[in-house]
């Protein structure tokens, strides 16, 4: 395993910082300190800009690529299921 370069370390620090911001806002909003929010939009305590930044950094750090209806990460791929119309 190789050592991360300076940019990767900086990105990972920002990634952790965004999670810490989310956690702090959750606690300030009265969240249970023994639990975590779901992480879904509206329950992640991030702004839209912060959420997009988090996703972008995560894709870069962890090598996630979306290609049409497929997600590829670390040599594996998964099909994105079609949205259900039964909801």
PDB file of N, CA and C in Angstrom:
ATOM      1  N   UNK A   1       0.843  -1.178   0.000  1.00  0.00           N
ATOM      2  CA  UNK A   1       0.000   0.000   0.000  1.00  0.00           C
ATOM      3  C   UNK A   1       0.886   1.237   0.000  1.00  0.00           C
ATOM      4  N   UNK A   2       0.558   2.195  -0.834  1.00  0.00           N
ATOM      5  CA  UNK A   2       1.381   3.392  -0.944  1.00  0.00           C
ATOM      6  C   UNK A   2       0.955   4.457   0.069  1.00  0.00           C
ATOM      7  N   UNK A   3       1.853   5.362   0.324  1.00  0.00           N
ATOM      8  CA  UNK A   3       1.600   6.478   1.246  1.00  0.00           C
ATOM      9  C   UNK A   3       0.832   7.570   0.491  1.00  0.00           C
ATOM     10  N   UNK A   4      -0.233   8.148   1.092  1.00  0.00           N
ATOM     11  CA  UNK A   4      -0.969   9.217   0.408  1.00  0.00           C
ATOM     12  C   UNK A   4      -0.095  10.463   0.227  1.00  0.00           C
ATOM     13  N   UNK A   5      -0.313  11.153  -0.896  1.00  0.00           N
ATOM     14  CA  UNK A   5       0.448  12.385  -1.126  1.00  0.00           C
ATOM     15  C   UNK A   5      -0.194  13.543  -0.365  1.00  0.00           C
ATOM     16  N   UNK A   6       0.400  14.716  -0.446  1.00  0.00           N
ATOM     17  CA  UNK A   6      -0.055  15.881   0.325  1.00  0.00           C
ATOM     18  C   UNK A   6      -1.491  16.270  -0.032  1.00  0.00           C
ATOM     19  N   UNK A   7      -1.837  16.247  -1.313  1.00  0.00           N
ATOM     20  CA  UNK A   7      -3.192  16.603  -1.735  1.00  0.00           C
ATOM     21  C   UNK A   7      -4.209  15.611  -1.177  1.00  0.00           C
ATOM     22  N   UNK A   8      -3.902  14.332  -1.244  1.00  0.00           N
ATOM     23  CA  UNK A   8      -4.810  13.304  -0.719  1.00  0.00           C
ATOM     24  C   UNK A   8      -5.002  13.449   0.784  1.00  0.00           C
ATOM     25  N   UNK A   9      -3.929  13.775   1.497  1.00  0.00           N
ATOM     26  CA  UNK A   9      -4.037  14.004   2.942  1.00  0.00           C
ATOM     27  C   UNK A   9      -4.929  15.208   3.231  1.00  0.00           C
ATOM     28  N   UNK A  10      -4.760  16.272   2.459  1.00  0.00           N
ATOM     29  CA  UNK A  10      -5.571  17.481   2.622  1.00  0.00           C
ATOM     30  C   UNK A  10      -7.042  17.184   2.338  1.00  0.00           C
ATOM     31  N   UNK A  11      -7.306  16.430   1.275  1.00  0.00           N
ATOM     32  CA  UNK A  11      -8.678  16.073   0.937  1.00  0.00           C
ATOM     33  C   UNK A  11      -9.303  15.231   2.043  1.00  0.00           C
ATOM     34  N   UNK A  12      -8.546  14.290   2.586  1.00  0.00           N
ATOM     35  CA  UNK A  12      -9.071  13.435   3.643  1.00  0.00           C
ATOM     36  C   UNK A  12      -9.361  14.236   4.901  1.00  0.00           C
ATOM     37  N   UNK A  13      -8.519  15.213   5.220  1.00  0.00           N
ATOM     38  CA  UNK A  13      -8.764  16.081   6.381  1.00  0.00           C
ATOM     39  C   UNK A  13     -10.051  16.881   6.185  1.00  0.00           C
ATOM     40  N   UNK A  14     -10.277  17.394   4.980  1.00  0.00           N
ATOM     41  CA  UNK A  14     -11.506  18.136   4.693  1.00  0.00           C
ATOM     42  C   UNK A  14     -12.711  17.205   4.772  1.00  0.00           C
ATOM     43  N   UNK A  15     -12.573  15.990   4.293  1.00  0.00           N
ATOM     44  CA  UNK A  15     -13.624  14.980   4.353  1.00  0.00           C
ATOM     45  C   UNK A  15     -14.039  14.750   5.807  1.00  0.00           C
ATOM     46  N   UNK A  16     -13.055  14.552   6.683  1.00  0.00           N
ATOM     47  CA  UNK A  16     -13.328  14.354   8.107  1.00  0.00           C
ATOM     48  C   UNK A  16     -13.928  15.613   8.737  1.00  0.00           C
ATOM     49  N   UNK A  17     -13.461  16.781   8.307  1.00  0.00           N
ATOM     50  CA  UNK A  17     -13.974  18.043   8.828  1.00  0.00           C
ATOM     51  C   UNK A  17     -15.466  18.209   8.503  1.00  0.00           C
ATOM     52  N   UNK A  18     -15.860  17.850   7.303  1.00  0.00           N
ATOM     53  CA  UNK A  18     -17.269  17.949   6.921  1.00  0.00           C
ATOM     54  C   UNK A  18     -18.137  17.022   7.769  1.00  0.00           C
ATOM     55  N   UNK A  19     -17.658  15.831   8.065  1.00  0.00           N
ATOM     56  CA  UNK A  19     -18.397  14.928   8.948  1.00  0.00           C
ATOM     57  C   UNK A  19     -18.478  15.498  10.362  1.00  0.00           C
ATOM     58  N   UNK A  20     -17.406  16.141  10.815  1.00  0.00           N
ATOM     59  CA  UNK A  20     -17.405  16.740  12.157  1.00  0.00           C
ATOM     60  C   UNK A  20     -18.398  17.905  12.223  1.00  0.00           C
ATOM     61  N   UNK A  21     -18.475  18.693  11.159  1.00  0.00           N
ATOM     62  CA  UNK A  21     -19.441  19.790  11.091  1.00  0.00           C
ATOM     63  C   UNK A  21     -20.854  19.238  11.184  1.00  0.00           C
ATOM     64  N   UNK A  22     -21.114  18.195  10.421  1.00  0.00           N
ATOM     65  CA  UNK A  22     -22.432  17.564  10.429  1.00  0.00           C
ATOM     66  C   UNK A  22     -22.781  17.058  11.820  1.00  0.00           C
ATOM     67  N   UNK A  23     -21.836  16.404  12.459  1.00  0.00           N
ATOM     68  CA  UNK A  23     -22.061  15.853  13.809  1.00  0.00           C
ATOM     69  C   UNK A  23     -22.348  16.963  14.815  1.00  0.00           C
ATOM     70  N   UNK A  24     -21.583  18.048  14.741  1.00  0.00           N
ATOM     71  CA  UNK A  24     -21.774  19.158  15.670  1.00  0.00           C
ATOM     72  C   UNK A  24     -23.158  19.783  15.495  1.00  0.00           C
ATOM     73  N   UNK A  25     -23.570  19.986  14.260  1.00  0.00           N
ATOM     74  CA  UNK A  25     -24.906  20.556  14.007  1.00  0.00           C
ATOM     75  C   UNK A  25     -26.005  19.628  14.513  1.00  0.00           C
ATOM     76  N   UNK A  26     -25.800  18.333  14.342  1.00  0.00           N
ATOM     77  CA  UNK A  26     -26.755  17.332  14.831  1.00  0.00           C
ATOM     78  C   UNK A  26     -26.908  17.458  16.343  1.00  0.00           C
ATOM     79  N   UNK A  27     -25.801  17.542  17.044  1.00  0.00           N
ATOM     80  CA  UNK A  27     -25.842  17.657  18.499  1.00  0.00           C
ATOM     81  C   UNK A  27     -26.464  18.978  18.940  1.00  0.00           C
ATOM     82  N   UNK A  28     -26.132  20.056  18.244  1.00  0.00           N
ATOM     83  CA  UNK A  28     -26.697  21.372  18.570  1.00  0.00           C
ATOM     84  C   UNK A  28     -28.205  21.409  18.336  1.00  0.00           C
ATOM     85  N   UNK A  29     -28.685  20.586  17.421  1.00  0.00           N
ATOM     86  CA  UNK A  29     -30.121  20.521  17.130  1.00  0.00           C
ATOM     87  C   UNK A  29     -30.849  19.610  18.114  1.00  0.00           C
ATOM     88  N   UNK A  30     -30.132  19.093  19.112  1.00  0.00           N
ATOM     89  CA  UNK A  30     -30.761  18.251  20.118  1.00  0.00           C
ATOM     90  C   UNK A  30     -30.664  16.765  19.849  1.00  0.00           C
ATOM     91  N   UNK A  31     -29.796  16.363  18.930  1.00  0.00           N
ATOM     92  CA  UNK A  31     -29.633  14.950  18.612  1.00  0.00           C
ATOM     93  C   UNK A  31     -29.042  14.162  19.761  1.00  0.00           C
ATOM     94  N   UNK A  32     -29.349  12.891  19.802  1.00  0.00           N
ATOM     95  CA  UNK A  32     -28.854  11.986  20.833  1.00  0.00           C
ATOM     96  C   UNK A  32     -27.358  11.744  20.615  1.00  0.00           C
ATOM     97  N   UNK A  33     -26.516  12.102  21.604  1.00  0.00           N
ATOM     98  CA  UNK A  33     -25.073  11.934  21.427  1.00  0.00           C
ATOM     99  C   UNK A  33     -24.629  10.478  21.279  1.00  0.00           C
ATOM    100  N   UNK A  34     -25.491   9.519  21.618  1.00  0.00           N
ATOM    101  CA  UNK A  34     -25.139   8.101  21.473  1.00  0.00           C
ATOM    102  C   UNK A  34     -25.543   7.547  20.114  1.00  0.00           C
ATOM    103  N   UNK A  35     -26.192   8.360  19.311  1.00  0.00           N
ATOM    104  CA  UNK A  35     -26.639   7.910  17.987  1.00  0.00           C
ATOM    105  C   UNK A  35     -26.099   8.843  16.913  1.00  0.00           C
ATOM    106  N   UNK A  36     -26.279   8.445  15.686  1.00  0.00           N
ATOM    107  CA  UNK A  36     -25.877   9.249  14.533  1.00  0.00           C
ATOM    108  C   UNK A  36     -27.098   9.483  13.645  1.00  0.00           C
ATOM    109  N   UNK A  37     -27.130  10.631  12.961  1.00  0.00           N
ATOM    110  CA  UNK A  37     -28.218  10.829  11.996  1.00  0.00           C
ATOM    111  C   UNK A  37     -28.061   9.844  10.835  1.00  0.00           C
ATOM    112  N   UNK A  38     -29.108   9.697  10.042  1.00  0.00           N
ATOM    113  CA  UNK A  38     -29.093   8.696   8.967  1.00  0.00           C
ATOM    114  C   UNK A  38     -28.070   9.011   7.886  1.00  0.00           C
ATOM    115  N   UNK A  39     -27.759  10.291   7.677  1.00  0.00           N
ATOM    116  CA  UNK A  39     -26.839  10.670   6.618  1.00  0.00           C
ATOM    117  C   UNK A  39     -27.532  10.980   5.307  1.00  0.00           C
ATOM    118  N   UNK A  40     -28.828  10.776   5.268  1.00  0.00           N
ATOM    119  CA  UNK A  40     -29.589  11.101   4.059  1.00  0.00           C
ATOM    120  C   UNK A  40     -29.811  12.602   3.981  1.00  0.00           C
ATOM    121  N   UNK A  41     -30.025  13.092   2.778  1.00  0.00           N
ATOM    122  CA  UNK A  41     -30.289  14.512   2.586  1.00  0.00           C
ATOM    123  C   UNK A  41     -31.459  14.921   3.478  1.00  0.00           C
ATOM    124  N   UNK A  42     -31.269  16.005   4.215  1.00  0.00           N
ATOM    125  CA  UNK A  42     -32.277  16.467   5.142  1.00  0.00           C
ATOM    126  C   UNK A  42     -32.042  15.957   6.552  1.00  0.00           C
ATOM    127  N   UNK A  43     -31.242  14.918   6.669  1.00  0.00           N
ATOM    128  CA  UNK A  43     -30.912  14.373   7.983  1.00  0.00           C
ATOM    129  C   UNK A  43     -29.398  14.256   8.140  1.00  0.00           C
ATOM    130  N   UNK A  44     -28.646  14.991   7.323  1.00  0.00           N
ATOM    131  CA  UNK A  44     -27.189  14.945   7.426  1.00  0.00           C
ATOM    132  C   UNK A  44     -26.620  16.243   7.984  1.00  0.00           C
ATOM    133  N   UNK A  45     -27.470  17.253   8.152  1.00  0.00           N
ATOM    134  CA  UNK A  45     -27.085  18.529   8.756  1.00  0.00           C
ATOM    135  C   UNK A  45     -25.983  19.234   7.974  1.00  0.00           C
ATOM    136  N   UNK A  46     -25.970  19.057   6.666  1.00  0.00           N
ATOM    137  CA  UNK A  46     -25.038  19.744   5.788  1.00  0.00           C
ATOM    138  C   UNK A  46     -25.811  20.624   4.818  1.00  0.00           C
ATOM    139  N   UNK A  47     -25.167  21.700   4.363  1.00  0.00           N
ATOM    140  CA  UNK A  47     -25.769  22.503   3.304  1.00  0.00           C
ATOM    141  C   UNK A  47     -25.619  21.740   1.994  1.00  0.00           C
ATOM    142  N   UNK A  48     -26.347  22.156   0.971  1.00  0.00           N
ATOM    143  CA  UNK A  48     -26.226  21.501  -0.332  1.00  0.00           C
ATOM    144  C   UNK A  48     -24.785  21.571  -0.852  1.00  0.00           C
ATOM    145  N   UNK A  49     -24.133  22.736  -0.647  1.00  0.00           N
ATOM    146  CA  UNK A  49     -22.756  22.906  -1.109  1.00  0.00           C
ATOM    147  C   UNK A  49     -21.801  21.974  -0.364  1.00  0.00           C
ATOM    148  N   UNK A  50     -21.974  21.875   0.949  1.00  0.00           N
ATOM    149  CA  UNK A  50     -21.125  20.984   1.745  1.00  0.00           C
ATOM    150  C   UNK A  50     -21.336  19.528   1.346  1.00  0.00           C
ATOM    151  N   UNK A  51     -22.579  19.155   1.106  1.00  0.00           N
ATOM    152  CA  UNK A  51     -22.904  17.781   0.701  1.00  0.00           C
ATOM    153  C   UNK A  51     -22.239  17.449  -0.633  1.00  0.00           C
ATOM    154  N   UNK A  52     -22.337  18.365  -1.596  1.00  0.00           N
ATOM    155  CA  UNK A  52     -21.712  18.149  -2.903  1.00  0.00           C
ATOM    156  C   UNK A  52     -20.196  18.040  -2.765  1.00  0.00           C
ATOM    157  N   UNK A  53     -19.605  18.886  -1.909  1.00  0.00           N
ATOM    158  CA  UNK A  53     -18.164  18.825  -1.686  1.00  0.00           C
ATOM    159  C   UNK A  53     -17.779  17.479  -1.070  1.00  0.00           C
ATOM    160  N   UNK A  54     -18.551  17.029  -0.100  1.00  0.00           N
ATOM    161  CA  UNK A  54     -18.297  15.742   0.551  1.00  0.00           C
ATOM    162  C   UNK A  54     -18.350  14.606  -0.463  1.00  0.00           C
ATOM    163  N   UNK A  55     -19.381  14.599  -1.302  1.00  0.00           N
ATOM    164  CA  UNK A  55     -19.510  13.551  -2.327  1.00  0.00           C
ATOM    165  C   UNK A  55     -18.332  13.595  -3.301  1.00  0.00           C
ATOM    166  N   UNK A  56     -17.974  14.794  -3.724  1.00  0.00           N
ATOM    167  CA  UNK A  56     -16.887  14.949  -4.684  1.00  0.00           C
ATOM    168  C   UNK A  56     -15.566  14.449  -4.108  1.00  0.00           C
ATOM    169  N   UNK A  57     -15.257  14.857  -2.885  1.00  0.00           N
ATOM    170  CA  UNK A  57     -14.016  14.419  -2.244  1.00  0.00           C
ATOM    171  C   UNK A  57     -14.041  12.904  -2.040  1.00  0.00           C
ATOM    172  N   UNK A  58     -15.175  12.377  -1.608  1.00  0.00           N
ATOM    173  CA  UNK A  58     -15.294  10.934  -1.403  1.00  0.00           C
ATOM    174  C   UNK A  58     -15.036  10.147  -2.668  1.00  0.00           C
ATOM    175  N   UNK A  59     -15.585  10.628  -3.783  1.00  0.00           N
ATOM    176  CA  UNK A  59     -15.357   9.937  -5.053  1.00  0.00           C
ATOM    177  C   UNK A  59     -13.877   9.946  -5.415  1.00  0.00           C
ATOM    178  N   UNK A  60     -13.202  11.083  -5.169  1.00  0.00           N
ATOM    179  CA  UNK A  60     -11.775  11.169  -5.486  1.00  0.00           C
ATOM    180  C   UNK A  60     -10.938  10.283  -4.569  1.00  0.00           C
ATOM    181  N   UNK A  61     -11.206  10.354  -3.286  1.00  0.00           N
ATOM    182  CA  UNK A  61     -10.415   9.595  -2.311  1.00  0.00           C
ATOM    183  C   UNK A  61     -10.573   8.093  -2.518  1.00  0.00           C
ATOM    184  N   UNK A  62     -11.813   7.650  -2.687  1.00  0.00           N
ATOM    185  CA  UNK A  62     -12.089   6.220  -2.715  1.00  0.00           C
ATOM    186  C   UNK A  62     -12.202   5.657  -4.129  1.00  0.00           C
ATOM    187  N   UNK A  63     -11.981   6.486  -5.141  1.00  0.00           N
ATOM    188  CA  UNK A  63     -11.956   6.003  -6.513  1.00  0.00           C
ATOM    189  C   UNK A  63     -13.291   5.540  -7.040  1.00  0.00           C
ATOM    190  N   UNK A  64     -14.365   6.205  -6.653  1.00  0.00           N
ATOM    191  CA  UNK A  64     -15.697   5.834  -7.110  1.00  0.00           C
ATOM    192  C   UNK A  64     -15.979   6.526  -8.441  1.00  0.00           C
ATOM    193  N   UNK A  65     -16.413   5.741  -9.407  1.00  0.00           N
ATOM    194  CA  UNK A  65     -16.741   6.274 -10.732  1.00  0.00           C
ATOM    195  C   UNK A  65     -18.143   5.824 -11.094  1.00  0.00           C
ATOM    196  N   UNK A  66     -18.986   6.765 -11.524  1.00  0.00           N
ATOM    197  CA  UNK A  66     -20.298   6.387 -12.040  1.00  0.00           C
ATOM    198  C   UNK A  66     -20.223   6.436 -13.556  1.00  0.00           C
ATOM    199  N   UNK A  67     -20.713   5.390 -14.173  1.00  0.00           N
ATOM    200  CA  UNK A  67     -20.641   5.253 -15.617  1.00  0.00           C
ATOM    201  C   UNK A  67     -21.996   4.771 -16.111  1.00  0.00           C
ATOM    202  N   UNK A  68     -22.846   5.719 -16.519  1.00  0.00           N
ATOM    203  CA  UNK A  68     -24.191   5.352 -16.945  1.00  0.00           C
ATOM    204  C   UNK A  68     -24.992   4.825 -15.768  1.00  0.00           C
ATOM    205  N   UNK A  69     -25.415   3.565 -15.847  1.00  0.00           N
ATOM    206  CA  UNK A  69     -26.199   2.962 -14.768  1.00  0.00           C
ATOM    207  C   UNK A  69     -25.351   2.006 -13.923  1.00  0.00           C
ATOM    208  N   UNK A  70     -24.051   2.291 -13.869  1.00  0.00           N
ATOM    209  CA  UNK A  70     -23.129   1.419 -13.156  1.00  0.00           C
ATOM    210  C   UNK A  70     -22.192   2.241 -12.276  1.00  0.00           C
ATOM    211  N   UNK A  71     -21.879   1.716 -11.088  1.00  0.00           N
ATOM    212  CA  UNK A  71     -20.917   2.337 -10.183  1.00  0.00           C
ATOM    213  C   UNK A  71     -19.711   1.424 -10.110  1.00  0.00           C
ATOM    214  N   UNK A  72     -18.522   1.999 -10.235  1.00  0.00           N
ATOM    215  CA  UNK A  72     -17.293   1.223 -10.169  1.00  0.00           C
ATOM    216  C   UNK A  72     -16.432   1.757  -9.034  1.00  0.00           C
ATOM    217  N   UNK A  73     -15.889   0.846  -8.233  1.00  0.00           N
ATOM    218  CA  UNK A  73     -15.038   1.228  -7.115  1.00  0.00           C
ATOM    219  C   UNK A  73     -14.111   0.070  -6.776  1.00  0.00           C
ATOM    220  N   UNK A  74     -12.834   0.348  -6.723  1.00  0.00           N
ATOM    221  CA  UNK A  74     -11.823  -0.620  -6.307  1.00  0.00           C
ATOM    222  C   UNK A  74     -11.940  -1.945  -7.057  1.00  0.00           C
ATOM    223  N   UNK A  75     -12.102  -1.861  -8.360  1.00  0.00           N
ATOM    224  CA  UNK A  75     -12.131  -3.056  -9.184  1.00  0.00           C
ATOM    225  C   UNK A  75     -13.443  -3.804  -9.228  1.00  0.00           C
ATOM    226  N   UNK A  76     -14.453  -3.312  -8.531  1.00  0.00           N
ATOM    227  CA  UNK A  76     -15.770  -3.949  -8.557  1.00  0.00           C
ATOM    228  C   UNK A  76     -16.769  -2.989  -9.188  1.00  0.00           C
ATOM    229  N   UNK A  77     -17.881  -3.531  -9.652  1.00  0.00           N
ATOM    230  CA  UNK A  77     -18.920  -2.674 -10.218  1.00  0.00           C
ATOM    231  C   UNK A  77     -20.293  -3.185  -9.809  1.00  0.00           C
ATOM    232  N   UNK A  78     -21.227  -2.240  -9.719  1.00  0.00           N
ATOM    233  CA  UNK A  78     -22.598  -2.542  -9.338  1.00  0.00           C
ATOM    234  C   UNK A  78     -23.541  -1.790 -10.254  1.00  0.00           C
ATOM    235  N   UNK A  79     -24.640  -2.431 -10.606  1.00  0.00           N
ATOM    236  CA  UNK A  79     -25.689  -1.785 -11.387  1.00  0.00           C
ATOM    237  C   UNK A  79     -26.530  -0.917 -10.446  1.00  0.00           C
ATOM    238  N   UNK A  80     -26.889   0.269 -10.895  1.00  0.00           N
ATOM    239  CA  UNK A  80     -27.773   1.139 -10.142  1.00  0.00           C
ATOM    240  C   UNK A  80     -29.190   0.675 -10.446  1.00  0.00           C
ATOM    241  N   UNK A  81     -29.962   0.320  -9.414  1.00  0.00           N
ATOM    242  CA  UNK A  81     -31.321  -0.164  -9.688  1.00  0.00           C
ATOM    243  C   UNK A  81     -32.198   0.955 -10.222  1.00  0.00           C
ATOM    244  N   UNK A  82     -33.127   0.587 -11.080  1.00  0.00           N
ATOM    245  CA  UNK A  82     -34.092   1.550 -11.599  1.00  0.00           C
ATOM    246  C   UNK A  82     -34.996   2.002 -10.454  1.00  0.00           C
ATOM    247  N   UNK A  83     -35.426   3.263 -10.505  1.00  0.00           N
ATOM    248  CA  UNK A  83     -36.318   3.772  -9.466  1.00  0.00           C
ATOM    249  C   UNK A  83     -37.640   3.033  -9.500  1.00  0.00           C
ATOM    250  N   UNK A  84     -38.108   2.686  -8.321  1.00  0.00           N
ATOM    251  CA  UNK A  84     -39.380   1.980  -8.215  1.00  0.00           C
ATOM    252  C   UNK A  84     -40.523   2.956  -8.390  1.00  0.00           C
ATOM    253  N   UNK A  85     -41.550   2.554  -9.111  1.00  0.00           N
ATOM    254  CA  UNK A  85     -42.732   3.395  -9.278  1.00  0.00           C
ATOM    255  C   UNK A  85     -43.821   3.022  -8.292  1.00  0.00           C
ATOM    256  N   UNK A  86     -43.538   2.086  -7.378  1.00  0.00           N
ATOM    257  CA  UNK A  86     -44.519   1.612  -6.410  1.00  0.00           C
ATOM    258  C   UNK A  86     -44.557   2.459  -5.147  1.00  0.00           C
ATOM    259  N   UNK A  87     -43.686   3.452  -5.023  1.00  0.00           N
ATOM    260  CA  UNK A  87     -43.624   4.246  -3.786  1.00  0.00           C
ATOM    261  C   UNK A  87     -44.655   5.308  -3.742  1.00  0.00           C
TER     262      UNK A  87
END
